[in-house]
Amino acid sequence: MRDEQTDILYGINPITEAVKASKRKCFRIVVEDGKINSRLKALMTLVRSKNILVKSIPKGEFKKQYRPYIHQGIIGYFSTKKTLELHELIANALEKSADPILVISDGIQDPHNLGAIIRSAAAMGIQGMILPKHRGAPLNETVAKCSSGAIEKLPITCVPNLSNAMEELKESGFWIVGIDPEGTTSCYDFKFEMPVALLIGNEGKGIRPLLKKNCDFTLSIPMASSMNSLNASAAGAVVFYEALRQKLNKKNRVSKKPTRK
């Protein structure tokens, strides 16, 4: 049984990260009877250490009941992910870094894309993500699966109006930087030396004109062929990594002190 306040998570990584994070209540875990491997055994040890209810059901019944999911033999029923208010996300980001990076999604529709963006953002040290409440993929089980559990690690807020959110970000010291095939600056020439909110557009139409107009900068990704763009999740990953590379290089330069011969 499931209600609108419950999320079904499936697969080893999403469930592992949700249990480890302890930010959601886990109502129960359902496992396929006889399914045994080292990763699943490690997860079940973790689950039992948290005193979570576990139900085992026969293979045939499990596969019939959870046919739509790529489940790896395990399903978890959790409370829905809690999101932050925008001012909380901003404050947390500025507390963690002098030059934090946030991501704004301008209506990403495909939950696979959104999950991939969340996974890349968490891996590359992005401090949080801003989603529209009504124009885009919801934070559902597909997003959780495609993020490989990173949805539990990345702070997220959902806002009713992206234009207003961008103004609040600017007032808090962030620069709005759009990722766009026709961007005026190469992402490799841009210096990530200030608080930045990276704006990623919709898969089909890109960044909406009004939002693009309100960007302080637009970044392009140089291409080696006649293809003039990447999909939203790939483009995001490229720019996230460039920002991380610059920050790591800066950190290494600071840490290397000159020595006398």
Protein backbone atom coordinates (compact mmCIF):
# COMPACT_ATOMS: atom_id res chain seq x y z
CA MET A 1 0.00 0.00 0.00
CA ARG A 2 1.22 3.47 -0.88
CA ASP A 3 -0.06 7.00 -0.33
CA GLU A 4 1.05 10.39 -1.63
CA GLN A 5 3.25 10.90 1.45
CA THR A 6 5.30 7.77 0.66
CA ASP A 7 8.13 7.33 -1.83
CA ILE A 8 9.08 3.92 -3.18
CA LEU A 9 12.84 3.67 -3.59
CA TYR A 10 14.31 0.75 -5.49
CA GLY A 11 17.81 -0.55 -6.05
CA ILE A 12 20.74 -0.99 -3.70
CA ASN A 13 22.41 2.45 -3.96
CA PRO A 14 19.30 4.64 -3.54
CA ILE A 15 18.11 2.66 -0.53
CA THR A 16 21.59 2.50 1.02
CA GLU A 17 22.04 6.27 0.79
CA ALA A 18 18.54 6.95 2.14
CA VAL A 19 19.12 4.68 5.14
CA LYS A 20 22.58 6.13 5.80
CA ALA A 21 21.38 9.73 5.56
CA SER A 22 18.52 9.09 8.04
CA LYS A 23 16.71 12.16 6.70
CA ARG A 24 13.63 10.18 5.71
CA LYS A 25 11.59 7.76 7.78
CA CYS A 26 11.81 4.23 6.40
CA PHE A 27 8.50 2.47 6.91
CA ARG A 28 9.62 -0.93 5.64
CA ILE A 29 11.97 -2.79 3.33
CA VAL A 30 10.74 -5.55 1.01
CA VAL A 31 13.25 -8.07 -0.33
CA GLU A 32 13.05 -10.87 -2.86
CA ASP A 33 13.30 -14.20 -1.07
CA GLY A 34 16.54 -16.01 -1.91
CA LYS A 35 18.23 -12.99 -3.49
CA ILE A 36 21.78 -12.98 -2.08
CA ASN A 37 24.91 -11.02 -3.01
CA SER A 38 27.57 -9.16 -1.03
CA ARG A 39 26.13 -5.67 -1.63
CA LEU A 40 22.61 -6.74 -0.69
CA LYS A 41 23.90 -8.50 2.44
CA ALA A 42 25.77 -5.34 3.48
CA LEU A 43 22.62 -3.26 2.96
CA MET A 44 20.51 -5.68 4.99
CA THR A 45 23.03 -5.49 7.84
CA LEU A 46 22.69 -1.70 7.77
CA VAL A 47 18.88 -1.90 7.63
CA ARG A 48 18.67 -4.25 10.60
CA SER A 49 21.07 -2.05 12.61
CA LYS A 50 18.47 0.72 12.23
CA ASN A 51 15.65 -1.57 13.43
CA ILE A 52 13.73 -1.14 10.17
CA LEU A 53 10.91 -3.56 9.42
CA VAL A 54 11.92 -6.09 6.73
CA LYS A 55 9.52 -8.28 4.76
CA SER A 56 10.69 -11.11 2.49
CA ILE A 57 8.36 -12.36 -0.25
CA PRO A 58 8.73 -15.19 -2.81
CA LYS A 59 10.52 -14.43 -6.07
CA GLY A 60 7.45 -14.83 -8.29
CA GLU A 61 5.28 -12.59 -6.13
CA PHE A 62 8.06 -10.00 -5.79
CA LYS A 63 8.64 -9.80 -9.54
CA LYS A 64 4.91 -9.54 -10.22
CA GLN A 65 4.33 -6.81 -7.64
CA TYR A 66 7.37 -4.73 -8.55
CA ARG A 67 7.57 -5.44 -12.28
CA PRO A 68 7.97 -1.74 -13.32
CA TYR A 69 11.12 -1.26 -11.23
CA ILE A 70 14.78 -2.14 -11.86
CA HIS A 71 14.88 -3.23 -8.27
CA GLN A 72 17.96 -5.49 -7.73
CA GLY A 73 15.80 -7.54 -5.37
CA ILE A 74 14.98 -4.79 -2.88
CA ILE A 75 12.30 -2.12 -2.44
CA GLY A 76 12.03 0.52 0.28
CA TYR A 77 9.03 2.54 1.44
CA PHE A 78 10.18 5.94 2.71
CA SER A 79 8.70 9.28 3.65
CA THR A 80 9.01 11.90 0.91
CA LYS A 81 12.23 13.88 0.61
CA LYS A 82 12.21 17.07 2.62
CA THR A 83 13.22 20.18 0.71
CA LEU A 84 14.56 23.46 2.07
CA GLU A 85 13.26 26.98 1.74
CA LEU A 86 15.31 29.07 -0.69
CA HIS A 87 16.74 31.30 2.05
CA GLU A 88 17.86 28.19 3.95
CA LEU A 89 19.58 26.78 0.85
CA ILE A 90 21.38 30.08 0.25
CA ALA A 91 22.49 30.40 3.87
CA ASN A 92 23.76 26.80 3.96
CA ALA A 93 25.69 27.27 0.72
CA LEU A 94 27.38 30.48 1.88
CA GLU A 95 28.24 28.83 5.18
CA LYS A 96 29.97 25.92 3.42
CA SER A 97 31.97 27.96 0.92
CA ALA A 98 33.08 31.53 0.23
CA ASP A 99 32.37 30.87 -3.46
CA PRO A 100 29.53 28.34 -3.49
CA ILE A 101 27.88 26.99 -6.62
CA LEU A 102 24.17 26.26 -6.89
CA VAL A 103 22.22 24.84 -9.82
CA ILE A 104 18.89 26.12 -11.16
CA SER A 105 16.80 23.80 -13.31
CA ASP A 106 14.61 25.64 -15.81
CA GLY A 107 11.99 22.94 -16.28
CA ILE A 108 13.95 19.73 -16.84
CA GLN A 109 11.17 17.32 -17.87
CA ASP A 110 12.89 13.93 -18.02
CA PRO A 111 13.38 12.37 -14.56
CA HIS A 112 16.37 10.44 -15.91
CA ASN A 113 18.03 13.74 -16.85
CA LEU A 114 17.17 15.32 -13.52
CA GLY A 115 18.54 12.33 -11.62
CA ALA A 116 21.76 12.42 -13.66
CA ILE A 117 22.17 16.16 -12.99
CA ILE A 118 21.69 15.61 -9.25
CA ARG A 119 24.25 12.78 -9.29
CA SER A 120 26.85 14.92 -11.12
CA ALA A 121 26.15 17.94 -8.92
CA ALA A 122 26.68 15.96 -5.71
CA ALA A 123 29.84 14.32 -7.07
CA MET A 124 31.35 17.65 -8.17
CA GLY A 125 30.74 19.51 -4.92
CA ILE A 126 27.75 21.64 -5.91
CA GLN A 127 26.13 23.06 -2.76
CA GLY A 128 22.47 22.76 -3.74
CA MET A 129 19.80 22.77 -6.43
CA ILE A 130 16.77 24.94 -7.16
CA LEU A 131 13.79 23.39 -8.95
CA PRO A 132 10.50 24.88 -10.14
CA LYS A 133 7.47 23.60 -8.26
CA HIS A 134 5.24 23.25 -11.30
CA ARG A 135 7.38 23.08 -14.46
CA GLY A 136 9.56 20.02 -14.43
CA ALA A 137 10.06 16.44 -13.36
CA PRO A 138 8.96 15.70 -9.77
CA LEU A 139 11.39 14.30 -7.22
CA ASN A 140 10.13 10.75 -7.65
CA GLU A 141 11.56 7.23 -7.47
CA THR A 142 13.00 7.44 -11.00
CA VAL A 143 14.96 10.56 -10.10
CA ALA A 144 16.22 8.84 -6.94
CA LYS A 145 17.29 5.75 -8.90
CA CYS A 146 19.04 7.73 -11.66
CA SER A 147 20.83 9.85 -9.07
CA SER A 148 22.19 6.60 -7.56
CA GLY A 149 21.23 7.89 -4.12
CA ALA A 150 22.77 11.35 -4.55
CA ILE A 151 19.32 12.89 -4.04
CA GLU A 152 19.82 12.14 -0.32
CA LYS A 153 23.03 14.20 -0.22
CA LEU A 154 22.22 17.28 -2.31
CA PRO A 155 20.18 20.04 -0.62
CA ILE A 156 17.20 20.96 -2.83
CA THR A 157 14.55 23.66 -2.81
CA CYS A 158 11.41 23.93 -4.95
CA VAL A 159 10.23 27.44 -5.76
CA PRO A 160 7.00 28.74 -7.34
CA ASN A 161 8.74 31.35 -9.49
CA LEU A 162 12.28 31.04 -10.89
CA SER A 163 12.53 34.73 -11.83
CA ASN A 164 11.87 35.75 -8.23
CA ALA A 165 14.30 33.11 -7.00
CA MET A 166 17.00 34.48 -9.29
CA GLU A 167 16.45 37.98 -7.90
CA GLU A 168 16.77 36.66 -4.35
CA LEU A 169 19.99 34.90 -5.32
CA LYS A 170 21.39 38.11 -6.80
CA GLU A 171 20.48 40.04 -3.65
CA SER A 172 22.40 37.40 -1.67
CA GLY A 173 25.55 37.93 -3.75
CA PHE A 174 25.16 35.17 -6.37
CA TRP A 175 25.86 35.68 -10.06
CA ILE A 176 23.43 33.97 -12.42
CA VAL A 177 25.27 32.03 -15.11
CA GLY A 178 23.35 30.29 -17.89
CA ILE A 179 24.67 27.21 -19.71
CA ASP A 180 23.71 27.81 -23.33
CA PRO A 181 24.97 26.60 -26.75
CA GLU A 182 25.16 30.24 -27.83
CA GLY A 183 26.80 31.45 -24.63
CA THR A 184 29.17 34.38 -25.00
CA THR A 185 31.95 32.89 -22.83
CA SER A 186 33.58 29.47 -22.98
CA CYS A 187 33.07 27.57 -19.73
CA TYR A 188 36.86 27.04 -19.70
CA ASP A 189 37.52 30.80 -19.72
CA PHE A 190 35.03 31.66 -17.00
CA LYS A 191 36.51 32.10 -13.52
CA PHE A 192 34.47 30.46 -10.77
CA GLU A 193 35.75 32.87 -8.13
CA MET A 194 32.44 34.15 -6.79
CA PRO A 195 29.09 32.71 -5.65
CA VAL A 196 27.47 31.30 -8.79
CA ALA A 197 24.04 29.90 -9.64
CA LEU A 198 24.28 27.83 -12.84
CA LEU A 199 21.08 27.85 -14.89
CA ILE A 200 20.34 24.74 -16.98
CA GLY A 201 17.54 24.95 -19.54
CA ASN A 202 14.80 22.59 -20.63
CA GLU A 203 15.84 19.62 -22.82
CA GLY A 204 13.96 20.86 -25.88
CA LYS A 205 13.79 24.64 -25.67
CA GLY A 206 16.78 25.49 -23.50
CA ILE A 207 16.67 28.46 -21.14
CA ARG A 208 13.52 30.55 -21.44
CA PRO A 209 14.16 34.03 -22.95
CA LEU A 210 13.09 35.94 -19.81
CA LEU A 211 15.43 33.93 -17.61
CA LYS A 212 18.28 34.18 -20.12
CA LYS A 213 17.83 37.95 -20.19
CA ASN A 214 18.32 38.01 -16.42
CA CYS A 215 21.58 36.02 -16.56
CA ASP A 216 24.78 37.89 -15.69
CA PHE A 217 26.81 35.59 -17.96
CA THR A 218 26.12 32.79 -20.43
CA LEU A 219 28.57 29.92 -20.90
CA SER A 220 29.09 27.72 -23.94
CA ILE A 221 30.90 24.38 -24.16
CA PRO A 222 33.40 24.20 -27.05
CA MET A 223 32.69 21.33 -29.45
CA ALA A 224 35.09 19.40 -31.67
CA SER A 225 32.50 18.48 -34.31
CA SER A 226 29.44 19.82 -36.09
CA MET A 227 27.29 18.84 -33.09
CA ASN A 228 26.48 22.13 -31.44
CA SER A 229 25.19 21.00 -28.05
CA LEU A 230 25.03 18.29 -25.39
CA ASN A 231 21.94 17.17 -23.55
CA ALA A 232 21.11 18.92 -20.29
CA SER A 233 22.69 16.39 -17.93
CA ALA A 234 25.91 16.05 -19.97
CA ALA A 235 26.29 19.83 -20.33
CA GLY A 236 25.78 20.25 -16.61
CA ALA A 237 28.40 17.61 -15.80
CA VAL A 238 31.00 19.31 -18.04
CA VAL A 239 30.53 22.71 -16.40
CA PHE A 240 30.32 21.26 -12.87
CA TYR A 241 33.64 19.51 -13.43
CA GLU A 242 35.30 22.64 -14.82
CA ALA A 243 34.23 24.55 -11.71
CA LEU A 244 35.59 21.77 -9.49
CA ARG A 245 38.86 21.62 -11.47
CA GLN A 246 39.42 25.34 -11.00
CA LYS A 247 38.73 25.16 -7.28
CA LEU A 248 41.07 22.17 -6.83
CA ASN A 249 43.84 23.90 -8.79
CA LYS A 250 43.44 27.03 -6.67
CA LYS A 251 43.58 24.95 -3.49
CA ASN A 252 46.72 23.16 -4.68
CA ARG A 253 48.44 26.45 -5.54
CA VAL A 254 47.69 27.85 -2.10
CA SER A 255 48.90 24.71 -0.32
CA LYS A 256 52.23 24.56 -2.20
CA LYS A 257 54.62 26.82 -0.32
CA PRO A 258 57.93 27.79 -1.96
CA THR A 259 61.08 26.27 -0.43
CA ARG A 260 64.65 27.56 -0.47
CA LYS A 261 67.28 25.45 -2.19
